[in-house]
C-alpha atoms as a PDB file:
ATOM      1  CA  MET A   1     161.639 -64.193 -92.846  1.00  0.00           C
ATOM      2  CA  ALA A   2     161.655 -63.219 -89.193  1.00  0.00           C
ATOM      3  CA  ASN A   3     158.230 -64.681 -88.420  1.00  0.00           C
ATOM      4  CA  HIS A   4     158.975 -68.121 -89.894  1.00  0.00           C
ATOM      5  CA  SER A   5     160.521 -70.744 -87.669  1.00  0.00           C
ATOM      6  CA  MET A   6     163.476 -72.408 -89.323  1.00  0.00           C
ATOM      7  CA  GLU A   7     163.959 -76.019 -88.523  1.00  0.00           C
ATOM      8  CA  LYS A   8     166.675 -78.555 -89.032  1.00  0.00           C
ATOM      9  CA  ASN A   9     166.542 -80.197 -92.501  1.00  0.00           C
ATOM     10  CA  LYS A  10     164.783 -77.251 -94.176  1.00  0.00           C
ATOM     11  CA  ILE A  11     166.242 -76.201 -97.525  1.00  0.00           C
ATOM     12  CA  VAL A  12     166.404 -72.422 -97.826  1.00  0.00           C
ATOM     13  CA  LEU A  13     167.723 -69.618-100.031  1.00  0.00           C
ATOM     14  CA  LEU A  14     170.234 -67.222 -98.502  1.00  0.00           C
ATOM     15  CA  PRO A  15     173.115 -64.951 -99.433  1.00  0.00           C
ATOM     16  CA  PHE A  16     176.175 -67.207 -99.290  1.00  0.00           C
ATOM     17  CA  PRO A  17     179.797 -66.037 -99.629  1.00  0.00           C
ATOM     18  CA  PHE A  18     182.124 -67.325-102.318  1.00  0.00           C
ATOM     19  CA  ASP A  19     185.370 -68.962-101.158  1.00  0.00           C
ATOM     20  CA  ASP A  20     187.224 -65.630-101.331  1.00  0.00           C
ATOM     21  CA  PHE A  21     184.520 -63.863 -99.226  1.00  0.00           C
ATOM     22  CA  LYS A  22     184.644 -60.956-101.721  1.00  0.00           C
ATOM     23  CA  GLN A  23     181.304 -61.755-103.334  1.00  0.00           C
ATOM     24  CA  ILE A  24     177.989 -63.102-102.170  1.00  0.00           C
ATOM     25  CA  LYS A  25     175.344 -64.916-104.189  1.00  0.00           C
ATOM     26  CA  VAL A  26     171.886 -66.104-103.175  1.00  0.00           C
ATOM     27  CA  ARG A  27     172.127 -69.877-103.066  1.00  0.00           C
ATOM     28  CA  PRO A  28     170.337 -72.843-101.545  1.00  0.00           C
ATOM     29  CA  ALA A  29     171.521 -74.278 -98.252  1.00  0.00           C
ATOM     30  CA  ILE A  30     170.258 -76.860 -95.799  1.00  0.00           C
ATOM     31  CA  CYS A  31     169.650 -76.046 -92.139  1.00  0.00           C
ATOM     32  CA  LEU A  32     171.712 -78.443 -90.028  1.00  0.00           C
ATOM     33  CA  THR A  33     170.375 -77.122 -86.722  1.00  0.00           C
ATOM     34  CA  ASN A  34     167.256 -75.557 -85.339  1.00  0.00           C
ATOM     35  CA  VAL A  35     167.507 -71.908 -84.276  1.00  0.00           C
ATOM     36  CA  ILE A  36     170.214 -71.460 -81.622  1.00  0.00           C
ATOM     37  CA  GLY A  37     170.328 -68.803 -78.896  1.00  0.00           C
ATOM     38  CA  LYS A  38     168.957 -65.312 -78.449  1.00  0.00           C
ATOM     39  CA  HIS A  39     170.441 -64.116 -81.750  1.00  0.00           C
ATOM     40  CA  ALA A  40     168.593 -66.858 -83.665  1.00  0.00           C
ATOM     41  CA  HIS A  41     171.583 -68.417 -85.412  1.00  0.00           C
ATOM     42  CA  ILE A  42     171.394 -71.497 -87.640  1.00  0.00           C
ATOM     43  CA  VAL A  43     174.217 -73.697 -88.930  1.00  0.00           C
ATOM     44  CA  VAL A  44     173.764 -74.338 -92.654  1.00  0.00           C
ATOM     45  CA  ALA A  45     175.583 -76.251 -95.400  1.00  0.00           C
ATOM     46  CA  PHE A  46     176.017 -74.988 -98.944  1.00  0.00           C
ATOM     47  CA  ILE A  47     174.109 -76.700-101.783  1.00  0.00           C
ATOM     48  CA  SER A  48     175.491 -76.488-105.318  1.00  0.00           C
ATOM     49  CA  SER A  49     174.062 -77.413-108.694  1.00  0.00           C
ATOM     50  CA  LYS A  50     177.620 -77.704-110.036  1.00  0.00           C
ATOM     51  CA  MET A  51     178.561 -81.338-109.671  1.00  0.00           C
ATOM     52  CA  PRO A  52     182.114 -81.705-108.354  1.00  0.00           C
ATOM     53  CA  ASP A  53     184.740 -83.331-110.561  1.00  0.00           C
ATOM     54  CA  GLU A  54     185.784 -85.322-107.523  1.00  0.00           C
ATOM     55  CA  LYS A  55     183.073 -86.349-105.061  1.00  0.00           C
ATOM     56  CA  LEU A  56     184.238 -85.942-101.467  1.00  0.00           C
ATOM     57  CA  LYS A  57     183.215 -88.191 -98.571  1.00  0.00           C
ATOM     58  CA  SER A  58     181.354 -85.201 -97.135  1.00  0.00           C
ATOM     59  CA  ASP A  59     179.264 -84.619-100.294  1.00  0.00           C
ATOM     60  CA  VAL A  60     175.620 -85.686-100.372  1.00  0.00           C
ATOM     61  CA  MET A  61     174.113 -86.019-103.828  1.00  0.00           C
ATOM     62  CA  ILE A  62     170.487 -85.074-104.503  1.00  0.00           C
ATOM     63  CA  ALA A  63     169.254 -86.308-107.886  1.00  0.00           C
ATOM     64  CA  LYS A  64     166.010 -85.529-109.711  1.00  0.00           C
ATOM     65  CA  VAL A  65     165.440 -89.285-110.122  1.00  0.00           C
ATOM     66  CA  GLN A  66     165.087 -89.734-106.348  1.00  0.00           C
ATOM     67  CA  SER A  67     161.472 -90.104-105.239  1.00  0.00           C
ATOM     68  CA  SER A  68     161.878 -87.417-102.562  1.00  0.00           C
ATOM     69  CA  PHE A  69     163.538 -84.852-104.888  1.00  0.00           C
ATOM     70  CA  LYS A  70     160.384 -82.762-105.366  1.00  0.00           C
ATOM     71  CA  GLN A  71     160.080 -82.164-101.605  1.00  0.00           C
ATOM     72  CA  THR A  72     163.524 -80.487-101.582  1.00  0.00           C
ATOM     73  CA  GLY A  73     162.261 -77.580-103.673  1.00  0.00           C
ATOM     74  CA  LEU A  74     165.421 -77.740-105.796  1.00  0.00           C
ATOM     75  CA  SER A  75     165.096 -77.619-109.575  1.00  0.00           C
ATOM     76  CA  VAL A  76     168.194 -79.534-110.722  1.00  0.00           C
ATOM     77  CA  ASP A  77     170.517 -82.301-109.537  1.00  0.00           C
ATOM     78  CA  SER A  78     172.503 -80.857-106.652  1.00  0.00           C
ATOM     79  CA  VAL A  79     175.131 -81.677-104.068  1.00  0.00           C
ATOM     80  CA  ILE A  80     175.167 -80.749-100.388  1.00  0.00           C
ATOM     81  CA  ARG A  81     178.749 -79.743 -99.543  1.00  0.00           C
ATOM     82  CA  LEU A  82     178.946 -80.631 -95.838  1.00  0.00           C
ATOM     83  CA  HIS A  83     182.489 -79.242 -95.577  1.00  0.00           C
ATOM     84  CA  LYS A  84     181.126 -75.787 -96.528  1.00  0.00           C
ATOM     85  CA  LEU A  85     179.372 -74.754 -93.335  1.00  0.00           C
ATOM     86  CA  VAL A  86     178.468 -71.361 -91.972  1.00  0.00           C
ATOM     87  CA  THR A  87     176.530 -70.053 -88.990  1.00  0.00           C
ATOM     88  CA  ILE A  88     174.057 -67.386 -90.030  1.00  0.00           C
ATOM     89  CA  PRO A  89     171.404 -65.256 -88.366  1.00  0.00           C
ATOM     90  CA  LYS A  90     167.958 -66.574 -89.260  1.00  0.00           C
ATOM     91  CA  GLN A  91     166.958 -63.121 -90.508  1.00  0.00           C
ATOM     92  CA  ILE A  92     169.150 -63.337 -93.646  1.00  0.00           C
ATOM     93  CA  ILE A  93     167.213 -66.325 -94.996  1.00  0.00           C
ATOM     94  CA  LYS A  94     165.304 -65.156 -98.062  1.00  0.00           C
ATOM     95  CA  ARG A  95     162.799 -68.008 -98.229  1.00  0.00           C
ATOM     96  CA  GLU A  96     162.214 -71.698 -97.668  1.00  0.00           C
ATOM     97  CA  LEU A  97     162.403 -73.976-100.713  1.00  0.00           C
ATOM     98  CA  GLY A  98     161.555 -77.362 -99.205  1.00  0.00           C
ATOM     99  CA  SER A  99     163.000 -79.984 -96.903  1.00  0.00           C
ATOM    100  CA  ALA A 100     165.022 -83.165 -96.683  1.00  0.00           C
ATOM    101  CA  ASP A 101     163.136 -86.401 -96.118  1.00  0.00           C
ATOM    102  CA  VAL A 102     164.136 -88.861 -93.368  1.00  0.00           C
ATOM    103  CA  LYS A 103     166.458 -90.874 -95.639  1.00  0.00           C
ATOM    104  CA  LEU A 104     168.347 -87.767 -96.796  1.00  0.00           C
ATOM    105  CA  ALA A 105     168.484 -86.365 -93.240  1.00  0.00           C
ATOM    106  CA  ASN A 106     169.956 -89.661 -91.999  1.00  0.00           C
ATOM    107  CA  GLU A 107     172.597 -89.653 -94.754  1.00  0.00           C
ATOM    108  CA  ILE A 108     173.530 -86.067 -93.830  1.00  0.00           C
ATOM    109  CA  ARG A 109     173.786 -86.963 -90.133  1.00  0.00           C
ATOM    110  CA  LYS A 110     176.024 -89.966 -90.862  1.00  0.00           C
ATOM    111  CA  LYS A 111     178.329 -87.981 -93.149  1.00  0.00           C
ATOM    112  CA  LEU A 112     178.575 -85.146 -90.594  1.00  0.00           C
ATOM    113  CA  ASN A 113     179.508 -87.687 -87.922  1.00  0.00           C
ATOM    114  CA  ASP A 114     182.197 -89.109 -90.231  1.00  0.00           C
ATOM    115  CA  LEU A 115     183.437 -85.632 -91.102  1.00  0.00           C
ATOM    116  CA  PHE A 116     183.883 -84.586 -87.467  1.00  0.00           C
ATOM    117  CA  ASP A 117     184.969 -87.968 -86.107  1.00  0.00           C
END
């Protein structure tokens, strides 16, 4: 995906490590930054289709019933886990799925501010 420009709020597929870092699975993530620096890094947050038993303050729900769901490129109800962040080189992104609309982007920004406050 080297010739695509990744932008903040894009939803992408990439190899993402499990909590134990022993396995990797291709999963959706949301770009929280534009490309950074000469090595083209991007900070991303993990997106899961497994709804948590306990919703955390840093979780952002994305439901199929939302009018902007289709633009995300996701296929099922999902949750953005803002406490699961990683910085990745842009080159490992497999493909772009979609993007967050303004309302979702604003909710993400607010929850990130709360998380790091």
